[in-house]
Every structure is written in C-alpha cells, then in structure tokens.
Amino acid sequence: MKKLFVITLMIISIFSLAACGDEKTPTDGPDSYPKFMGKLQDYPTGVSYEFYAWNDEADGKVYGIEYLPKDFDKESGDKLPIVICVHGAGGDELMLSSLAKEFTGKNISAITFGCRGASDSTKSDDGSATVTSRASDLNTMLKYVQSLPWVDQDKIYFYGESMGGITIMLSAEYFQQYIAGIIITASGFTESQAGFADNEFPQYTIQDGQTWDQRLLAYTGDFIMFHATGDEIFSSELSRATYELYNTRDTGICEYYETEGGSHDALSTEGKALRIQVIEDYIFGHTNQQNKTFIIIFKKTDCILN
C-alpha cells in the first residue's frame, strides 16, 4: 500500500511539472507571435533586434530584423518613420541590412525580413517565394509595424530591390491606404515579369478584366525609383518605361534617378549617397507634396555630394 502511494505521488508530480512547463512555453502557433528574440547587433548608427511574426494567410512564421537609431528610447513617446525592405530573388533578411543601417543614421527606422522560400539561408518558414507569397509576407510585416507604438503610422514606406520591387509594384494597390510611398531600386516591370505572380493569394495579383499596367496604375501614391546604368538584369530602358508609366498618373510624387556605373546588386558609391539623401529629403521634407517631377538623370559627376 505504501509503495502504491509513492508511485501515485510520483505520477501526480510528473503531470504537475508538465503542466507548469506548458504555462511557461507557449504553443508554436498564431497566439504566441510576434516572438521577440532579443538584441542582434550594436553598430555605429543604431541597434538591431530580431523577431518572428506570424503569417496568418500562409500559416507560418516570417523572420524579421528591426533597426533603430542609436540611443532611441521606445518608451519616450517619440515617433519614427519606418521603411519596410523587400529583398530580391535568392536573398534573405540580411540582403538589405546595410541600407537599413544607413536609414538609422538618418533617424529613420527600418525592417528587413526573409521572404518564405526565397533561399536556404533565411530563417523564415518555407514558401513558394512567388510575388503573391512575398506580398503575403510583406503584409505580415506591415501588420507587425502597425502594432509598434513608437512608429509614426503616417510615415510607413515600402522599399524593394529587383524582385522585391516587382512585388511592391504589383501589390501596392492593396496596401496604399496604409503606406506613405514606395521606393524602388534595380527593378522594373513588363508583361515578362507577370509569370512570377500566381493565385496562391489572389488579393495580391491581377483581377479579372484588369491589365498589368492597370494593376500598377491602381496605386495612386508616391513613387520613387533608382537605377544604375551598369545593371545587367534590368535595362535603363525598362526602368525608364516603368517610371514613365507611373508618371501618367495625376496623383502622387513620381521621381526617377539614374546613376552611371554600379550593377544590379549595388548602385555606385555616388549612387548610394544620392539615394540616401533623396530618401531622407523625401521622408522629412516632401511627404505632403503632390506635384510630379520630370525624369531626373544623374551622371557620375553630378552624383558627388558635399
């Protein structure tokens, strides 16, 4: 009888410990996200933090990195503009980290994230990495940013490079009521890129009776584009044609900056300096401007900034 009593107590103790463990470790599902993983890195202009957010549409997690200016206090009540960055094909959450760090040097916060399925190096879950899959992950990041009390909700911007730019252009209509503008580098759009879209998440792709040009033009907000003449993937002609399409609209800022040299993967040193200056001036000085500008082509000697 004594032996049975001891065994019973042991069983009760085991189940009690298991129950306590369950309380401390939430299940890996929607209700346990976002998950904050702590500080990732201190760097000269700021600090980065890693997190996971839950994609409700895909039923999976997306890994992101949050970049904040040095010495910014989230509890101060101050608000920061933020740029959500979408990487290109084969990239991951680190692909645009250098640019994100540049933003924090201008008192602009940023988010980079890994598109599901884009590469083996991303910490995000698997996915198809199509335009609609990427747009779904972008929507996940937007929802996360909207939950941050220190973000200026009137100054949320999308930035995309290469396929990340295509993703933003094709889905901007869906997001435009929530964002202040879109900024594109090393990208462009023609019918040939339409094959990257699918019906996995129909809200992000073309609608019945709609042309691809109409899809792009359904976005009425600000559009800024940068292009390097040395880009071996997207030609200057394609990027200019994309700009000219957006410039047919009657609303929103529309600007195009072309710099000599560089490549698809990176603008020249002068081009990078130009880009960060233009973006800083735009975010802090021209967010309410509604007039359009004509094509602006900067040659190499014009890009040397004081």
C-alpha atoms as a PDB file:
ATOM      1  CA  MET A   1       0.000   0.000   0.000  1.00  0.00           C
ATOM      2  CA  LYS A   2       2.847   2.353   0.849  1.00  0.00           C
ATOM      3  CA  LYS A   3       4.547   1.525  -2.468  1.00  0.00           C
ATOM      4  CA  LEU A   4       1.346   2.288  -4.421  1.00  0.00           C
ATOM      5  CA  PHE A   5       1.010   5.614  -2.583  1.00  0.00           C
ATOM      6  CA  VAL A   6       4.569   6.620  -3.544  1.00  0.00           C
ATOM      7  CA  ILE A   7       4.015   5.715  -7.215  1.00  0.00           C
ATOM      8  CA  THR A   8       0.772   7.737  -7.245  1.00  0.00           C
ATOM      9  CA  LEU A   9       2.568  10.767  -5.844  1.00  0.00           C
ATOM     10  CA  MET A  10       5.294  10.425  -8.471  1.00  0.00           C
ATOM     11  CA  ILE A  11       2.723  10.331 -11.288  1.00  0.00           C
ATOM     12  CA  ILE A  12       0.921  13.388  -9.881  1.00  0.00           C
ATOM     13  CA  SER A  13       4.249  15.228  -9.591  1.00  0.00           C
ATOM     14  CA  ILE A  14       5.194  14.420 -13.194  1.00  0.00           C
ATOM     15  CA  PHE A  15       1.866  15.720 -14.539  1.00  0.00           C
ATOM     16  CA  SER A  16       2.131  18.821 -12.347  1.00  0.00           C
ATOM     17  CA  LEU A  17       5.606  19.632 -13.699  1.00  0.00           C
ATOM     18  CA  ALA A  18       4.405  19.100 -17.269  1.00  0.00           C
ATOM     19  CA  ALA A  19       1.531  21.490 -16.675  1.00  0.00           C
ATOM     20  CA  CYS A  20       3.896  24.113 -15.293  1.00  0.00           C
ATOM     21  CA  GLY A  21       6.144  23.671 -18.320  1.00  0.00           C
ATOM     22  CA  ASP A  22       3.198  24.243 -20.665  1.00  0.00           C
ATOM     23  CA  GLU A  23       2.437  27.521 -18.923  1.00  0.00           C
ATOM     24  CA  LYS A  24       5.983  28.781 -19.440  1.00  0.00           C
ATOM     25  CA  THR A  25       6.345  27.599 -23.065  1.00  0.00           C
ATOM     26  CA  PRO A  26       3.517  28.800 -25.353  1.00  0.00           C
ATOM     27  CA  THR A  27       2.498  26.599 -28.270  1.00  0.00           C
ATOM     28  CA  ASP A  28       4.103  27.409 -31.615  1.00  0.00           C
ATOM     29  CA  GLY A  29       1.038  28.942 -33.245  1.00  0.00           C
ATOM     30  CA  PRO A  30      -0.526  32.315 -34.079  1.00  0.00           C
ATOM     31  CA  ASP A  31      -1.265  33.231 -30.467  1.00  0.00           C
ATOM     32  CA  SER A  32       2.423  33.049 -29.475  1.00  0.00           C
ATOM     33  CA  TYR A  33       3.554  35.659 -32.045  1.00  0.00           C
ATOM     34  CA  PRO A  34       5.235  38.039 -32.501  1.00  0.00           C
ATOM     35  CA  LYS A  35       8.193  36.439 -30.755  1.00  0.00           C
ATOM     36  CA  PHE A  36      10.982  38.804 -29.769  1.00  0.00           C
ATOM     37  CA  MET A  37      14.399  37.140 -29.872  1.00  0.00           C
ATOM     38  CA  GLY A  38      16.402  39.988 -28.349  1.00  0.00           C
ATOM     39  CA  LYS A  39      19.210  42.246 -29.493  1.00  0.00           C
ATOM     40  CA  LEU A  40      21.031  41.131 -32.623  1.00  0.00           C
ATOM     41  CA  GLN A  41      23.756  43.753 -33.057  1.00  0.00           C
ATOM     42  CA  ASP A  42      25.050  47.137 -31.955  1.00  0.00           C
ATOM     43  CA  TYR A  43      26.504  49.131 -34.835  1.00  0.00           C
ATOM     44  CA  PRO A  44      27.739  52.748 -35.170  1.00  0.00           C
ATOM     45  CA  THR A  45      24.398  54.338 -36.138  1.00  0.00           C
ATOM     46  CA  GLY A  46      21.992  52.107 -34.249  1.00  0.00           C
ATOM     47  CA  VAL A  47      20.951  48.749 -32.870  1.00  0.00           C
ATOM     48  CA  SER A  48      19.110  45.799 -34.404  1.00  0.00           C
ATOM     49  CA  TYR A  49      16.687  43.309 -32.849  1.00  0.00           C
ATOM     50  CA  GLU A  50      15.400  40.021 -34.249  1.00  0.00           C
ATOM     51  CA  PHE A  51      11.850  38.721 -34.108  1.00  0.00           C
ATOM     52  CA  TYR A  52       9.379  36.319 -35.688  1.00  0.00           C
ATOM     53  CA  ALA A  53       5.926  37.362 -36.910  1.00  0.00           C
ATOM     54  CA  TRP A  54       3.085  35.033 -37.878  1.00  0.00           C
ATOM     55  CA  ASN A  55       1.717  34.995 -41.429  1.00  0.00           C
ATOM     56  CA  ASP A  56      -1.984  34.208 -40.946  1.00  0.00           C
ATOM     57  CA  GLU A  57      -2.574  33.747 -44.667  1.00  0.00           C
ATOM     58  CA  ALA A  58       0.227  31.194 -45.108  1.00  0.00           C
ATOM     59  CA  ASP A  59       0.004  29.720 -41.587  1.00  0.00           C
ATOM     60  CA  GLY A  60       3.725  30.097 -40.974  1.00  0.00           C
ATOM     61  CA  LYS A  61       6.338  32.326 -39.413  1.00  0.00           C
ATOM     62  CA  VAL A  62       8.388  35.107 -41.021  1.00  0.00           C
ATOM     63  CA  TYR A  63      11.737  36.131 -39.550  1.00  0.00           C
ATOM     64  CA  GLY A  64      12.473  39.847 -39.355  1.00  0.00           C
ATOM     65  CA  ILE A  65      15.089  42.289 -38.105  1.00  0.00           C
ATOM     66  CA  GLU A  66      14.193  45.664 -36.617  1.00  0.00           C
ATOM     67  CA  TYR A  67      16.696  48.536 -36.926  1.00  0.00           C
ATOM     68  CA  LEU A  68      16.531  51.533 -34.583  1.00  0.00           C
ATOM     69  CA  PRO A  69      18.648  54.704 -34.439  1.00  0.00           C
ATOM     70  CA  LYS A  70      21.325  54.823 -31.770  1.00  0.00           C
ATOM     71  CA  ASP A  71      20.043  55.880 -28.324  1.00  0.00           C
ATOM     72  CA  PHE A  72      16.381  55.932 -29.443  1.00  0.00           C
ATOM     73  CA  ASP A  73      14.090  55.206 -26.488  1.00  0.00           C
ATOM     74  CA  LYS A  74      10.969  53.245 -27.429  1.00  0.00           C
ATOM     75  CA  GLU A  75       9.287  54.422 -24.224  1.00  0.00           C
ATOM     76  CA  SER A  76       9.939  58.133 -24.827  1.00  0.00           C
ATOM     77  CA  GLY A  77       6.724  58.739 -26.745  1.00  0.00           C
ATOM     78  CA  ASP A  78       8.677  59.924 -29.785  1.00  0.00           C
ATOM     79  CA  LYS A  79       7.654  58.546 -33.193  1.00  0.00           C
ATOM     80  CA  LEU A  80       9.895  57.408 -36.026  1.00  0.00           C
ATOM     81  CA  PRO A  81       9.267  56.913 -39.740  1.00  0.00           C
ATOM     82  CA  ILE A  82       9.945  53.345 -40.864  1.00  0.00           C
ATOM     83  CA  VAL A  83      10.926  51.655 -44.118  1.00  0.00           C
ATOM     84  CA  ILE A  84       9.968  48.011 -44.698  1.00  0.00           C
ATOM     85  CA  CYS A  85      12.537  46.487 -47.070  1.00  0.00           C
ATOM     86  CA  VAL A  86      11.800  43.648 -49.507  1.00  0.00           C
ATOM     87  CA  HIS A  87      14.821  41.775 -50.876  1.00  0.00           C
ATOM     88  CA  GLY A  88      15.325  40.326 -54.338  1.00  0.00           C
ATOM     89  CA  ALA A  89      15.326  36.755 -55.657  1.00  0.00           C
ATOM     90  CA  GLY A  90      17.563  34.368 -53.756  1.00  0.00           C
ATOM     91  CA  GLY A  91      18.048  36.813 -50.896  1.00  0.00           C
ATOM     92  CA  ASP A  92      17.270  36.757 -47.214  1.00  0.00           C
ATOM     93  CA  GLU A  93      16.737  39.053 -44.221  1.00  0.00           C
ATOM     94  CA  LEU A  94      20.376  40.224 -44.330  1.00  0.00           C
ATOM     95  CA  MET A  95      20.435  41.218 -48.001  1.00  0.00           C
ATOM     96  CA  LEU A  96      19.326  44.807 -47.329  1.00  0.00           C
ATOM     97  CA  SER A  97      20.812  45.175 -43.847  1.00  0.00           C
ATOM     98  CA  SER A  98      23.470  47.677 -44.978  1.00  0.00           C
ATOM     99  CA  LEU A  99      20.804  50.003 -46.348  1.00  0.00           C
ATOM    100  CA  ALA A 100      18.684  49.555 -43.203  1.00  0.00           C
ATOM    101  CA  LYS A 101      21.673  50.665 -41.135  1.00  0.00           C
ATOM    102  CA  GLU A 102      22.083  53.714 -43.388  1.00  0.00           C
ATOM    103  CA  PHE A 103      18.475  54.629 -42.642  1.00  0.00           C
ATOM    104  CA  THR A 104      19.055  54.616 -38.878  1.00  0.00           C
ATOM    105  CA  GLY A 105      21.912  57.068 -39.412  1.00  0.00           C
ATOM    106  CA  LYS A 106      19.262  59.464 -40.753  1.00  0.00           C
ATOM    107  CA  ASN A 107      16.884  58.873 -37.812  1.00  0.00           C
ATOM    108  CA  ILE A 108      14.726  56.516 -39.874  1.00  0.00           C
ATOM    109  CA  SER A 109      13.907  53.053 -38.535  1.00  0.00           C
ATOM    110  CA  ALA A 110      13.748  50.015 -40.799  1.00  0.00           C
ATOM    111  CA  ILE A 111      12.638  46.402 -41.076  1.00  0.00           C
ATOM    112  CA  THR A 112      14.253  43.675 -43.164  1.00  0.00           C
ATOM    113  CA  PHE A 113      12.770  40.187 -43.410  1.00  0.00           C
ATOM    114  CA  GLY A 114      13.244  36.891 -45.190  1.00  0.00           C
ATOM    115  CA  CYS A 115      10.627  36.013 -47.782  1.00  0.00           C
ATOM    116  CA  ARG A 116       9.466  32.441 -47.184  1.00  0.00           C
ATOM    117  CA  GLY A 117      11.168  30.026 -49.563  1.00  0.00           C
ATOM    118  CA  ALA A 118      13.400  32.644 -51.168  1.00  0.00           C
ATOM    119  CA  SER A 119      16.640  30.938 -50.109  1.00  0.00           C
ATOM    120  CA  ASP A 120      18.063  28.268 -47.835  1.00  0.00           C
ATOM    121  CA  SER A 121      19.705  30.955 -45.707  1.00  0.00           C
ATOM    122  CA  THR A 122      16.522  32.650 -44.497  1.00  0.00           C
ATOM    123  CA  LYS A 123      15.198  31.851 -41.031  1.00  0.00           C
ATOM    124  CA  SER A 124      11.614  32.213 -42.257  1.00  0.00           C
ATOM    125  CA  ASP A 125       9.471  29.143 -42.921  1.00  0.00           C
ATOM    126  CA  ASP A 126       9.328  27.501 -46.331  1.00  0.00           C
ATOM    127  CA  GLY A 127       7.163  29.023 -49.046  1.00  0.00           C
ATOM    128  CA  SER A 128       6.820  29.447 -52.791  1.00  0.00           C
ATOM    129  CA  ALA A 129       8.703  32.797 -52.983  1.00  0.00           C
ATOM    130  CA  THR A 130       6.388  33.980 -55.779  1.00  0.00           C
ATOM    131  CA  VAL A 131       5.178  37.573 -55.983  1.00  0.00           C
ATOM    132  CA  THR A 132       1.959  36.723 -54.140  1.00  0.00           C
ATOM    133  CA  SER A 133       3.816  34.739 -51.463  1.00  0.00           C
ATOM    134  CA  ARG A 134       6.217  37.639 -50.965  1.00  0.00           C
ATOM    135  CA  ALA A 135       3.325  40.109 -50.825  1.00  0.00           C
ATOM    136  CA  SER A 136       1.718  37.972 -48.138  1.00  0.00           C
ATOM    137  CA  ASP A 137       4.938  38.118 -46.100  1.00  0.00           C
ATOM    138  CA  LEU A 138       5.080  41.883 -46.681  1.00  0.00           C
ATOM    139  CA  ASN A 139       1.553  42.135 -45.326  1.00  0.00           C
ATOM    140  CA  THR A 140       2.724  40.229 -42.234  1.00  0.00           C
ATOM    141  CA  MET A 141       5.495  42.783 -41.684  1.00  0.00           C
ATOM    142  CA  LEU A 142       3.089  45.675 -42.215  1.00  0.00           C
ATOM    143  CA  LYS A 143       0.753  44.313 -39.547  1.00  0.00           C
ATOM    144  CA  TYR A 144       3.710  43.946 -37.195  1.00  0.00           C
ATOM    145  CA  VAL A 145       4.805  47.553 -37.820  1.00  0.00           C
ATOM    146  CA  GLN A 146       1.255  48.799 -37.242  1.00  0.00           C
ATOM    147  CA  SER A 147       1.403  47.274 -33.754  1.00  0.00           C
ATOM    148  CA  LEU A 148       4.523  49.254 -32.745  1.00  0.00           C
ATOM    149  CA  PRO A 149       3.627  52.312 -30.617  1.00  0.00           C
ATOM    150  CA  TRP A 150       6.850  54.160 -31.496  1.00  0.00           C
ATOM    151  CA  VAL A 151       6.210  54.093 -35.262  1.00  0.00           C
ATOM    152  CA  ASP A 152       4.739  57.154 -36.990  1.00  0.00           C
ATOM    153  CA  GLN A 153       1.833  55.418 -38.715  1.00  0.00           C
ATOM    154  CA  ASP A 154       1.636  58.212 -41.298  1.00  0.00           C
ATOM    155  CA  LYS A 155       5.214  57.530 -42.379  1.00  0.00           C
ATOM    156  CA  ILE A 156       5.377  53.859 -43.282  1.00  0.00           C
ATOM    157  CA  TYR A 157       7.237  53.239 -46.543  1.00  0.00           C
ATOM    158  CA  PHE A 158       7.957  50.190 -48.697  1.00  0.00           C
ATOM    159  CA  TYR A 159      11.390  49.747 -50.272  1.00  0.00           C
ATOM    160  CA  GLY A 160      12.169  46.961 -52.750  1.00  0.00           C
ATOM    161  CA  GLU A 161      15.049  45.823 -54.928  1.00  0.00           C
ATOM    162  CA  SER A 162      14.808  43.627 -58.027  1.00  0.00           C
ATOM    163  CA  MET A 163      12.014  41.077 -57.469  1.00  0.00           C
ATOM    164  CA  GLY A 164      11.278  42.847 -54.202  1.00  0.00           C
ATOM    165  CA  GLY A 165      10.494  45.931 -56.272  1.00  0.00           C
ATOM    166  CA  ILE A 166       8.216  43.927 -58.575  1.00  0.00           C
ATOM    167  CA  THR A 167       6.433  42.526 -55.521  1.00  0.00           C
ATOM    168  CA  ILE A 168       5.780  46.019 -54.184  1.00  0.00           C
ATOM    169  CA  MET A 169       4.659  47.445 -57.525  1.00  0.00           C
ATOM    170  CA  LEU A 170       2.198  44.617 -58.173  1.00  0.00           C
ATOM    171  CA  SER A 171       0.718  44.674 -54.666  1.00  0.00           C
ATOM    172  CA  ALA A 172       0.872  48.404 -53.813  1.00  0.00           C
ATOM    173  CA  GLU A 173      -2.802  48.903 -54.700  1.00  0.00           C
ATOM    174  CA  TYR A 174      -3.711  46.560 -51.855  1.00  0.00           C
ATOM    175  CA  PHE A 175      -1.548  48.398 -49.311  1.00  0.00           C
ATOM    176  CA  GLN A 176      -1.832  52.030 -50.385  1.00  0.00           C
ATOM    177  CA  GLN A 177      -4.231  53.150 -47.666  1.00  0.00           C
ATOM    178  CA  TYR A 178      -1.639  52.120 -45.069  1.00  0.00           C
ATOM    179  CA  ILE A 179       1.625  53.430 -46.566  1.00  0.00           C
ATOM    180  CA  ALA A 180       3.067  56.842 -47.430  1.00  0.00           C
ATOM    181  CA  GLY A 181       5.045  55.806 -50.512  1.00  0.00           C
ATOM    182  CA  ILE A 182       7.044  53.174 -52.380  1.00  0.00           C
ATOM    183  CA  ILE A 183      10.749  53.328 -53.246  1.00  0.00           C
ATOM    184  CA  ILE A 184      12.262  51.003 -55.852  1.00  0.00           C
ATOM    185  CA  THR A 185      15.860  50.205 -56.869  1.00  0.00           C
ATOM    186  CA  ALA A 186      17.188  47.913 -59.644  1.00  0.00           C
ATOM    187  CA  SER A 187      13.784  46.879 -60.888  1.00  0.00           C
ATOM    188  CA  GLY A 188      11.108  47.480 -63.493  1.00  0.00           C
ATOM    189  CA  PHE A 189       8.036  45.795 -64.896  1.00  0.00           C
ATOM    190  CA  THR A 190       6.814  44.433 -68.226  1.00  0.00           C
ATOM    191  CA  GLU A 191       4.499  41.584 -69.123  1.00  0.00           C
ATOM    192  CA  SER A 192       7.524  39.252 -68.974  1.00  0.00           C
ATOM    193  CA  GLN A 193       7.563  39.535 -65.176  1.00  0.00           C
ATOM    194  CA  ALA A 194       3.905  38.543 -64.940  1.00  0.00           C
ATOM    195  CA  GLY A 195       4.908  34.881 -64.688  1.00  0.00           C
ATOM    196  CA  PHE A 196       6.223  35.466 -61.164  1.00  0.00           C
ATOM    197  CA  ALA A 197       2.662  36.084 -59.960  1.00  0.00           C
ATOM    198  CA  ASP A 198       0.228  33.288 -59.154  1.00  0.00           C
ATOM    199  CA  ASN A 199      -3.138  32.758 -57.494  1.00  0.00           C
ATOM    200  CA  GLU A 200      -1.816  31.449 -54.174  1.00  0.00           C
ATOM    201  CA  PHE A 201      -3.030  34.681 -52.550  1.00  0.00           C
ATOM    202  CA  PRO A 202      -5.447  36.173 -55.141  1.00  0.00           C
ATOM    203  CA  GLN A 203      -5.752  39.582 -53.498  1.00  0.00           C
ATOM    204  CA  TYR A 204      -2.159  40.394 -54.464  1.00  0.00           C
ATOM    205  CA  THR A 205      -2.359  39.539 -58.146  1.00  0.00           C
ATOM    206  CA  ILE A 206      -4.244  40.720 -61.217  1.00  0.00           C
ATOM    207  CA  GLN A 207      -8.037  40.858 -61.031  1.00  0.00           C
ATOM    208  CA  ASP A 208     -10.500  39.715 -63.709  1.00  0.00           C
ATOM    209  CA  GLY A 209     -10.558  42.086 -66.671  1.00  0.00           C
ATOM    210  CA  GLN A 210      -7.535  44.049 -65.392  1.00  0.00           C
ATOM    211  CA  THR A 211      -4.327  44.514 -67.386  1.00  0.00           C
ATOM    212  CA  TRP A 212      -0.937  44.515 -65.698  1.00  0.00           C
ATOM    213  CA  ASP A 213      -0.490  48.211 -66.455  1.00  0.00           C
ATOM    214  CA  GLN A 214      -3.847  48.911 -64.833  1.00  0.00           C
ATOM    215  CA  ARG A 215      -2.724  46.936 -61.820  1.00  0.00           C
ATOM    216  CA  LEU A 216       0.336  49.152 -61.394  1.00  0.00           C
ATOM    217  CA  LEU A 217      -1.614  52.352 -62.039  1.00  0.00           C
ATOM    218  CA  ALA A 218      -4.252  51.438 -59.449  1.00  0.00           C
ATOM    219  CA  TYR A 219      -1.643  52.585 -56.941  1.00  0.00           C
ATOM    220  CA  THR A 220      -2.033  56.365 -56.654  1.00  0.00           C
ATOM    221  CA  GLY A 221       0.614  57.213 -54.046  1.00  0.00           C
ATOM    222  CA  ASP A 222       4.222  58.392 -54.182  1.00  0.00           C
ATOM    223  CA  PHE A 223       6.694  56.520 -56.391  1.00  0.00           C
ATOM    224  CA  ILE A 224      10.482  56.997 -56.358  1.00  0.00           C
ATOM    225  CA  MET A 225      12.848  54.878 -58.456  1.00  0.00           C
ATOM    226  CA  PHE A 226      16.637  54.480 -58.609  1.00  0.00           C
ATOM    227  CA  HIS A 227      18.558  52.750 -61.362  1.00  0.00           C
ATOM    228  CA  ALA A 228      22.222  52.066 -62.173  1.00  0.00           C
ATOM    229  CA  THR A 229      23.286  52.146 -65.836  1.00  0.00           C
ATOM    230  CA  GLY A 230      25.537  49.167 -65.081  1.00  0.00           C
ATOM    231  CA  ASP A 231      22.554  46.981 -64.124  1.00  0.00           C
ATOM    232  CA  GLU A 232      22.940  43.792 -66.167  1.00  0.00           C
ATOM    233  CA  ILE A 233      19.460  42.440 -65.307  1.00  0.00           C
ATOM    234  CA  PHE A 234      17.093  45.402 -65.687  1.00  0.00           C
ATOM    235  CA  SER A 235      17.950  47.784 -68.514  1.00  0.00           C
ATOM    236  CA  SER A 236      17.745  51.555 -68.306  1.00  0.00           C
ATOM    237  CA  GLU A 237      15.047  51.406 -70.980  1.00  0.00           C
ATOM    238  CA  LEU A 238      12.884  49.110 -68.843  1.00  0.00           C
ATOM    239  CA  SER A 239      13.314  51.181 -65.684  1.00  0.00           C
ATOM    240  CA  ARG A 240      12.571  54.416 -67.548  1.00  0.00           C
ATOM    241  CA  ALA A 241       9.495  52.864 -69.152  1.00  0.00           C
ATOM    242  CA  THR A 242       8.260  51.819 -65.709  1.00  0.00           C
ATOM    243  CA  TYR A 243       8.787  55.350 -64.418  1.00  0.00           C
ATOM    244  CA  GLU A 244       7.031  56.833 -67.449  1.00  0.00           C
ATOM    245  CA  LEU A 245       4.031  54.581 -66.834  1.00  0.00           C
ATOM    246  CA  TYR A 246       3.709  55.813 -63.249  1.00  0.00           C
ATOM    247  CA  ASN A 247       4.196  59.375 -64.434  1.00  0.00           C
ATOM    248  CA  THR A 248       0.952  59.193 -66.441  1.00  0.00           C
ATOM    249  CA  ARG A 249      -0.989  59.369 -63.168  1.00  0.00           C
ATOM    250  CA  ASP A 250      -2.467  62.608 -61.898  1.00  0.00           C
ATOM    251  CA  THR A 251      -1.657  61.924 -58.245  1.00  0.00           C
ATOM    252  CA  GLY A 252       1.423  61.224 -56.159  1.00  0.00           C
ATOM    253  CA  ILE A 253       5.068  62.199 -56.398  1.00  0.00           C
ATOM    254  CA  CYS A 254       6.837  60.457 -59.278  1.00  0.00           C
ATOM    255  CA  GLU A 255      10.647  60.648 -59.473  1.00  0.00           C
ATOM    256  CA  TYR A 256      13.349  58.701 -61.281  1.00  0.00           C
ATOM    257  CA  TYR A 257      17.080  58.844 -60.528  1.00  0.00           C
ATOM    258  CA  GLU A 258      19.587  57.160 -62.815  1.00  0.00           C
ATOM    259  CA  THR A 259      23.281  56.968 -61.978  1.00  0.00           C
ATOM    260  CA  GLU A 260      26.213  55.770 -64.049  1.00  0.00           C
ATOM    261  CA  GLY A 261      28.120  52.600 -63.203  1.00  0.00           C
ATOM    262  CA  GLY A 262      27.156  50.232 -60.448  1.00  0.00           C
ATOM    263  CA  SER A 263      25.490  46.888 -61.099  1.00  0.00           C
ATOM    264  CA  HIS A 264      22.229  45.057 -60.496  1.00  0.00           C
ATOM    265  CA  ASP A 265      23.359  44.209 -56.972  1.00  0.00           C
ATOM    266  CA  ALA A 266      24.521  47.685 -55.980  1.00  0.00           C
ATOM    267  CA  LEU A 267      24.485  51.308 -57.015  1.00  0.00           C
ATOM    268  CA  SER A 268      27.837  53.046 -57.350  1.00  0.00           C
ATOM    269  CA  THR A 269      29.262  54.773 -54.276  1.00  0.00           C
ATOM    270  CA  GLU A 270      27.944  58.083 -55.607  1.00  0.00           C
ATOM    271  CA  GLY A 271      24.598  56.488 -56.413  1.00  0.00           C
ATOM    272  CA  LYS A 272      24.234  55.166 -52.868  1.00  0.00           C
ATOM    273  CA  ALA A 273      24.987  58.615 -51.446  1.00  0.00           C
ATOM    274  CA  LEU A 274      22.405  60.123 -53.755  1.00  0.00           C
ATOM    275  CA  ARG A 275      19.784  57.534 -52.831  1.00  0.00           C
ATOM    276  CA  ILE A 276      20.030  58.005 -49.074  1.00  0.00           C
ATOM    277  CA  GLN A 277      19.970  61.796 -49.444  1.00  0.00           C
ATOM    278  CA  VAL A 278      16.901  61.707 -51.710  1.00  0.00           C
ATOM    279  CA  ILE A 279      15.066  59.348 -49.368  1.00  0.00           C
ATOM    280  CA  GLU A 280      15.921  61.424 -46.301  1.00  0.00           C
ATOM    281  CA  ASP A 281      14.759  64.634 -48.009  1.00  0.00           C
ATOM    282  CA  TYR A 282      11.590  62.916 -49.197  1.00  0.00           C
ATOM    283  CA  ILE A 283      10.607  61.436 -45.842  1.00  0.00           C
ATOM    284  CA  PHE A 284      11.321  64.528 -43.778  1.00  0.00           C
ATOM    285  CA  GLY A 285      10.576  67.288 -46.242  1.00  0.00           C
ATOM    286  CA  HIS A 286       8.268  66.271 -49.040  1.00  0.00           C
ATOM    287  CA  THR A 287       5.759  63.745 -47.698  1.00  0.00           C
ATOM    288  CA  ASN A 288       2.782  66.024 -48.401  1.00  0.00           C
ATOM    289  CA  GLN A 289       3.961  67.233 -51.783  1.00  0.00           C
ATOM    290  CA  GLN A 290       1.522  66.313 -54.544  1.00  0.00           C
ATOM    291  CA  ASN A 291       3.203  67.674 -57.678  1.00  0.00           C
ATOM    292  CA  LYS A 292       5.101  65.455 -60.095  1.00  0.00           C
ATOM    293  CA  THR A 293       8.628  65.915 -61.402  1.00  0.00           C
ATOM    294  CA  PHE A 294      10.097  65.009 -64.759  1.00  0.00           C
ATOM    295  CA  ILE A 295      12.759  62.403 -65.341  1.00  0.00           C
ATOM    296  CA  ILE A 296      15.975  63.179 -63.484  1.00  0.00           C
ATOM    297  CA  ILE A 297      19.103  61.514 -64.846  1.00  0.00           C
ATOM    298  CA  PHE A 298      22.255  61.983 -62.772  1.00  0.00           C
ATOM    299  CA  LYS A 299      25.587  61.378 -64.465  1.00  0.00           C
ATOM    300  CA  LYS A 300      28.519  60.238 -62.376  1.00  0.00           C
ATOM    301  CA  THR A 301      29.968  63.722 -61.949  1.00  0.00           C
ATOM    302  CA  ASP A 302      26.577  65.021 -60.823  1.00  0.00           C
ATOM    303  CA  CYS A 303      26.363  62.449 -58.021  1.00  0.00           C
ATOM    304  CA  ILE A 304      29.292  63.693 -55.970  1.00  0.00           C
ATOM    305  CA  LEU A 305      27.553  65.129 -52.944  1.00  0.00           C
ATOM    306  CA  ASN A 306      29.037  67.566 -50.457  1.00  0.00           C
END
